[in-house]
Amino acid sequence: MRILLVEDEPLIARFIARGLQAEGYHTTVADGADGAVARLTAQEWDLVILDLMLPDHDGFWVLDHSLAAHPRLPVLVLSARTGTDTKVRALNAGASDYLGKPFALDELLARVKARLRDAPPAHAPADDPGPRPHMDRRSRMLSLSDGTRVHLSAREFDLLEYLLRTPDEPVSRERILNAVWDYQFDPRSNVVDVTVGRLRRKLAADIAIETVRGGGYRLSLC
């Protein structure tokens, strides 16, 4: 697993990098936004850990470039800016997770493992099923194979994007709640089922979301 750590404080960067390397992750440190974007466009990554306060550009600039180059790349924001407005802005902009400083290394490593567990591999396998519907995170527009463009809500977009990571594999409601809603709802809530229902009404015949017996869903590209 390749992790890009974007952190301009040398002591913090070394501390995190050593912790990640001890867990077996190949970790590269970028101490500025320009260097981070250059590395993002030059090679594939499995995860980005991103500080928001950088010397050359705001971390949101890096987040935008990261998702533009790799729409499904998980980005874990690690920042001393812990206000609710900043967290909401980062998550709405496409960050997968947000952890405030100061932080416990064990918690950071646990979040890294969770994000990597849910993320698609950086390199597609040889039997990859082929092209996916095009999804534009900025506008939350989905372009289908017949040219139809469909506008999705934020939750609909995140849910479809999550299911697209593992097409033809069943995903439980609990995993979906954790990945898309971060357990902000009671596990007994029907919020997943309601959102899936809305998606089904919007999607064309080339994308099917099937109900799996036992409590879950499977996305199929027809």
Protein backbone atom coordinates (compact mmCIF):
# COMPACT_ATOMS: atom_id res chain seq x y z
CA MET A 1 0.00 0.00 0.00
CA ARG A 2 1.34 3.43 -1.01
CA ILE A 3 0.45 6.38 1.21
CA LEU A 4 1.21 10.03 0.43
CA LEU A 5 1.60 12.09 3.61
CA VAL A 6 1.21 15.84 3.06
CA GLU A 7 2.60 17.49 6.19
CA ASP A 8 4.99 20.45 6.49
CA GLU A 9 5.93 20.01 10.17
CA PRO A 10 9.07 17.80 10.08
CA LEU A 11 8.62 16.30 13.55
CA ILE A 12 5.00 15.38 12.94
CA ALA A 13 5.81 14.06 9.47
CA ARG A 14 8.59 11.80 10.79
CA PHE A 15 6.39 10.58 13.65
CA ILE A 16 3.54 9.62 11.33
CA ALA A 17 5.79 8.17 8.64
CA ARG A 18 7.58 5.91 11.13
CA GLY A 19 4.25 4.70 12.52
CA LEU A 20 2.92 3.93 9.04
CA GLN A 21 6.15 2.24 7.93
CA ALA A 22 6.10 0.08 11.07
CA GLU A 23 2.71 -1.18 9.90
CA GLY A 24 4.15 -2.05 6.48
CA TYR A 25 2.89 0.93 4.47
CA HIS A 26 5.16 2.50 1.86
CA THR A 27 5.02 6.16 2.89
CA THR A 28 6.18 9.25 0.98
CA VAL A 29 6.20 12.69 2.61
CA ALA A 30 5.39 15.91 0.74
CA ASP A 31 5.99 19.08 2.77
CA GLY A 32 4.00 21.41 0.52
CA ALA A 33 0.98 21.58 -1.75
CA ASP A 34 2.90 21.91 -5.02
CA GLY A 35 5.05 18.86 -4.25
CA ALA A 36 1.99 16.88 -3.22
CA VAL A 37 0.12 17.63 -6.44
CA ALA A 38 3.20 16.77 -8.51
CA ARG A 39 3.41 13.36 -6.82
CA LEU A 40 -0.34 12.80 -7.15
CA THR A 41 -0.20 13.27 -10.91
CA ALA A 42 3.02 11.29 -11.36
CA GLN A 43 2.02 7.97 -9.81
CA GLU A 44 -0.75 5.92 -8.21
CA TRP A 45 -1.56 6.05 -4.49
CA ASP A 46 -3.80 4.08 -2.18
CA LEU A 47 -4.38 6.85 0.39
CA VAL A 48 -3.52 10.50 1.05
CA ILE A 49 -3.12 11.91 4.57
CA LEU A 50 -3.51 15.66 4.20
CA ASP A 51 -2.79 18.61 6.47
CA LEU A 52 -4.83 21.71 5.61
CA MET A 53 -2.32 24.35 6.72
CA LEU A 54 0.52 24.23 4.20
CA PRO A 55 3.13 26.90 3.37
CA ASP A 56 2.33 27.37 -0.33
CA HIS A 57 -1.37 26.58 -0.85
CA ASP A 58 -4.35 25.72 1.34
CA GLY A 59 -4.90 22.00 1.80
CA PHE A 60 -8.28 22.31 0.09
CA TRP A 61 -6.36 23.13 -3.10
CA VAL A 62 -4.57 19.79 -2.79
CA LEU A 63 -7.86 18.01 -2.04
CA ASP A 64 -9.43 19.41 -5.21
CA HIS A 65 -6.46 18.36 -7.36
CA SER A 66 -6.33 14.94 -5.70
CA LEU A 67 -9.96 14.13 -6.45
CA ALA A 68 -9.75 15.60 -9.93
CA ALA A 69 -6.86 13.25 -10.76
CA HIS A 70 -8.13 10.23 -8.81
CA PRO A 71 -11.87 10.55 -8.01
CA ARG A 72 -11.97 7.41 -5.86
CA LEU A 73 -8.73 8.00 -3.96
CA PRO A 74 -9.42 8.16 -0.19
CA VAL A 75 -8.15 11.32 1.51
CA LEU A 76 -7.82 11.47 5.29
CA VAL A 77 -7.55 15.06 6.50
CA LEU A 78 -5.33 15.50 9.57
CA SER A 79 -5.46 19.08 10.77
CA ALA A 80 -5.35 21.41 13.78
CA ARG A 81 -8.35 23.18 12.26
CA THR A 82 -11.03 21.33 14.20
CA GLY A 83 -14.00 23.65 13.80
CA THR A 84 -17.21 22.06 12.63
CA ASP A 85 -17.42 24.34 9.58
CA THR A 86 -13.97 23.24 8.37
CA LYS A 87 -14.75 19.55 8.93
CA VAL A 88 -18.04 19.82 7.07
CA ARG A 89 -16.37 21.72 4.22
CA ALA A 90 -13.66 19.05 3.88
CA LEU A 91 -16.09 16.14 3.95
CA ASN A 92 -18.43 17.83 1.50
CA ALA A 93 -15.44 18.52 -0.77
CA GLY A 94 -14.70 14.82 -0.95
CA ALA A 95 -12.46 13.94 2.02
CA SER A 96 -13.05 10.40 3.25
CA ASP A 97 -12.28 11.12 6.90
CA TYR A 98 -11.18 13.93 9.24
CA LEU A 99 -9.00 13.68 12.34
CA GLY A 100 -8.04 16.67 14.45
CA LYS A 101 -4.65 17.46 15.96
CA PRO A 102 -3.42 16.57 18.52
CA PHE A 103 -4.14 12.93 17.77
CA ALA A 104 -3.28 9.46 19.01
CA LEU A 105 -1.18 7.43 16.58
CA ASP A 106 -3.26 4.31 17.30
CA GLU A 107 -6.42 6.13 16.23
CA LEU A 108 -4.75 7.44 13.08
CA LEU A 109 -3.58 3.94 12.15
CA ALA A 110 -7.05 2.53 12.80
CA ARG A 111 -8.60 5.15 10.51
CA VAL A 112 -5.98 4.47 7.84
CA LYS A 113 -6.79 0.74 7.95
CA ALA A 114 -10.52 1.47 7.72
CA ARG A 115 -10.12 3.79 4.74
CA LEU A 116 -7.81 1.34 2.93
CA ARG A 117 -10.14 -1.55 3.65
CA ASP A 118 -13.03 0.26 1.97
CA ALA A 119 -11.01 1.76 -0.89
CA PRO A 120 -10.55 0.30 -4.38
CA PRO A 121 -7.02 -0.87 -5.29
CA ALA A 122 -4.81 1.76 -6.90
CA HIS A 123 -4.03 -0.60 -9.78
CA ALA A 124 -6.99 -2.25 -11.48
CA PRO A 125 -6.76 -6.05 -11.72
CA ALA A 126 -6.40 -7.72 -15.08
CA ASP A 127 -10.03 -8.89 -15.05
CA ASP A 128 -11.38 -5.40 -14.31
CA PRO A 129 -14.93 -5.26 -15.77
CA GLY A 130 -14.14 -2.18 -17.85
CA PRO A 131 -15.37 1.41 -17.99
CA ARG A 132 -17.47 2.79 -15.16
CA PRO A 133 -20.15 5.47 -15.41
CA HIS A 134 -18.45 8.84 -15.23
CA MET A 135 -19.04 10.67 -11.94
CA ASP A 136 -18.23 14.35 -11.43
CA ARG A 137 -17.83 15.05 -7.72
CA ARG A 138 -17.91 18.82 -8.06
CA SER A 139 -21.31 18.92 -9.73
CA ARG A 140 -22.50 15.53 -8.43
CA MET A 141 -23.46 14.63 -11.99
CA LEU A 142 -23.53 11.03 -13.21
CA SER A 143 -23.01 10.46 -16.94
CA LEU A 144 -24.49 7.17 -18.13
CA SER A 145 -23.36 5.12 -21.13
CA ASP A 146 -26.20 6.45 -23.30
CA GLY A 147 -25.13 10.05 -22.65
CA THR A 148 -27.82 10.77 -20.07
CA ARG A 149 -26.69 13.06 -17.24
CA VAL A 150 -28.27 12.55 -13.84
CA HIS A 151 -27.92 14.90 -10.85
CA LEU A 152 -27.47 13.12 -7.51
CA SER A 153 -27.76 14.35 -3.96
CA ALA A 154 -24.60 14.25 -1.83
CA ARG A 155 -25.64 10.99 -0.13
CA GLU A 156 -26.79 9.39 -3.38
CA PHE A 157 -23.45 10.28 -4.99
CA ASP A 158 -21.39 8.92 -2.07
CA LEU A 159 -23.45 5.72 -1.88
CA LEU A 160 -23.17 5.00 -5.60
CA GLU A 161 -19.44 5.81 -5.58
CA TYR A 162 -18.95 3.40 -2.66
CA LEU A 163 -20.84 0.57 -4.36
CA LEU A 164 -18.88 1.12 -7.57
CA ARG A 165 -15.67 0.25 -5.70
CA THR A 166 -16.76 -3.40 -5.41
CA PRO A 167 -19.17 -4.15 -8.28
CA ASP A 168 -20.89 -7.55 -8.17
CA GLU A 169 -19.96 -8.02 -4.49
CA PRO A 170 -22.57 -7.83 -1.71
CA VAL A 171 -22.12 -4.97 0.77
CA SER A 172 -23.94 -4.97 4.10
CA ARG A 173 -26.06 -2.06 5.32
CA GLU A 174 -23.70 -1.69 8.29
CA ARG A 175 -20.67 -1.20 6.00
CA ILE A 176 -22.60 1.30 3.91
CA LEU A 177 -23.65 3.25 7.01
CA ASN A 178 -20.06 3.33 8.23
CA ALA A 179 -18.63 4.43 4.88
CA VAL A 180 -21.29 6.89 3.72
CA TRP A 181 -22.98 8.14 6.89
CA ASP A 182 -20.16 7.39 9.39
CA TYR A 183 -22.77 5.82 11.70
CA GLN A 184 -24.58 9.13 12.15
CA PHE A 185 -27.83 7.14 12.07
CA ASP A 186 -29.08 4.26 14.20
CA PRO A 187 -28.06 0.96 12.53
CA ARG A 188 -31.77 0.06 12.54
CA SER A 189 -32.59 3.13 10.46
CA ASN A 190 -33.92 2.63 6.94
CA VAL A 191 -31.89 5.58 5.57
CA VAL A 192 -29.81 3.25 3.36
CA ASP A 193 -32.89 1.59 1.88
CA VAL A 194 -34.53 4.96 1.21
CA THR A 195 -31.41 6.30 -0.55
CA VAL A 196 -31.05 3.11 -2.61
CA GLY A 197 -34.68 3.49 -3.65
CA ARG A 198 -34.06 7.03 -4.88
CA LEU A 199 -30.97 5.89 -6.78
CA ARG A 200 -32.84 3.08 -8.49
CA ARG A 201 -35.41 5.53 -9.79
CA LYS A 202 -32.65 7.73 -11.25
CA LEU A 203 -30.35 5.10 -12.77
CA ALA A 204 -30.69 3.66 -16.27
CA ALA A 205 -30.85 -0.03 -17.10
CA ASP A 206 -27.04 -0.32 -17.37
CA ILE A 207 -26.67 0.03 -13.57
CA ALA A 208 -28.62 -2.21 -11.21
CA ILE A 209 -28.59 -2.18 -7.40
CA GLU A 210 -29.78 -5.57 -6.22
CA THR A 211 -31.03 -6.39 -2.73
CA VAL A 212 -29.04 -9.17 -1.06
CA ARG A 213 -30.79 -11.57 1.29
CA GLY A 214 -29.57 -11.01 4.85
CA GLY A 215 -29.33 -7.24 4.65
CA GLY A 216 -27.25 -5.62 1.98
CA TYR A 217 -26.90 -4.56 -1.63
CA ARG A 218 -24.93 -5.50 -4.74
CA LEU A 219 -24.25 -3.19 -7.67
CA SER A 220 -24.15 -4.73 -11.14
CA LEU A 221 -22.97 -3.05 -14.35
CA CYS A 222 -25.09 -4.50 -17.14
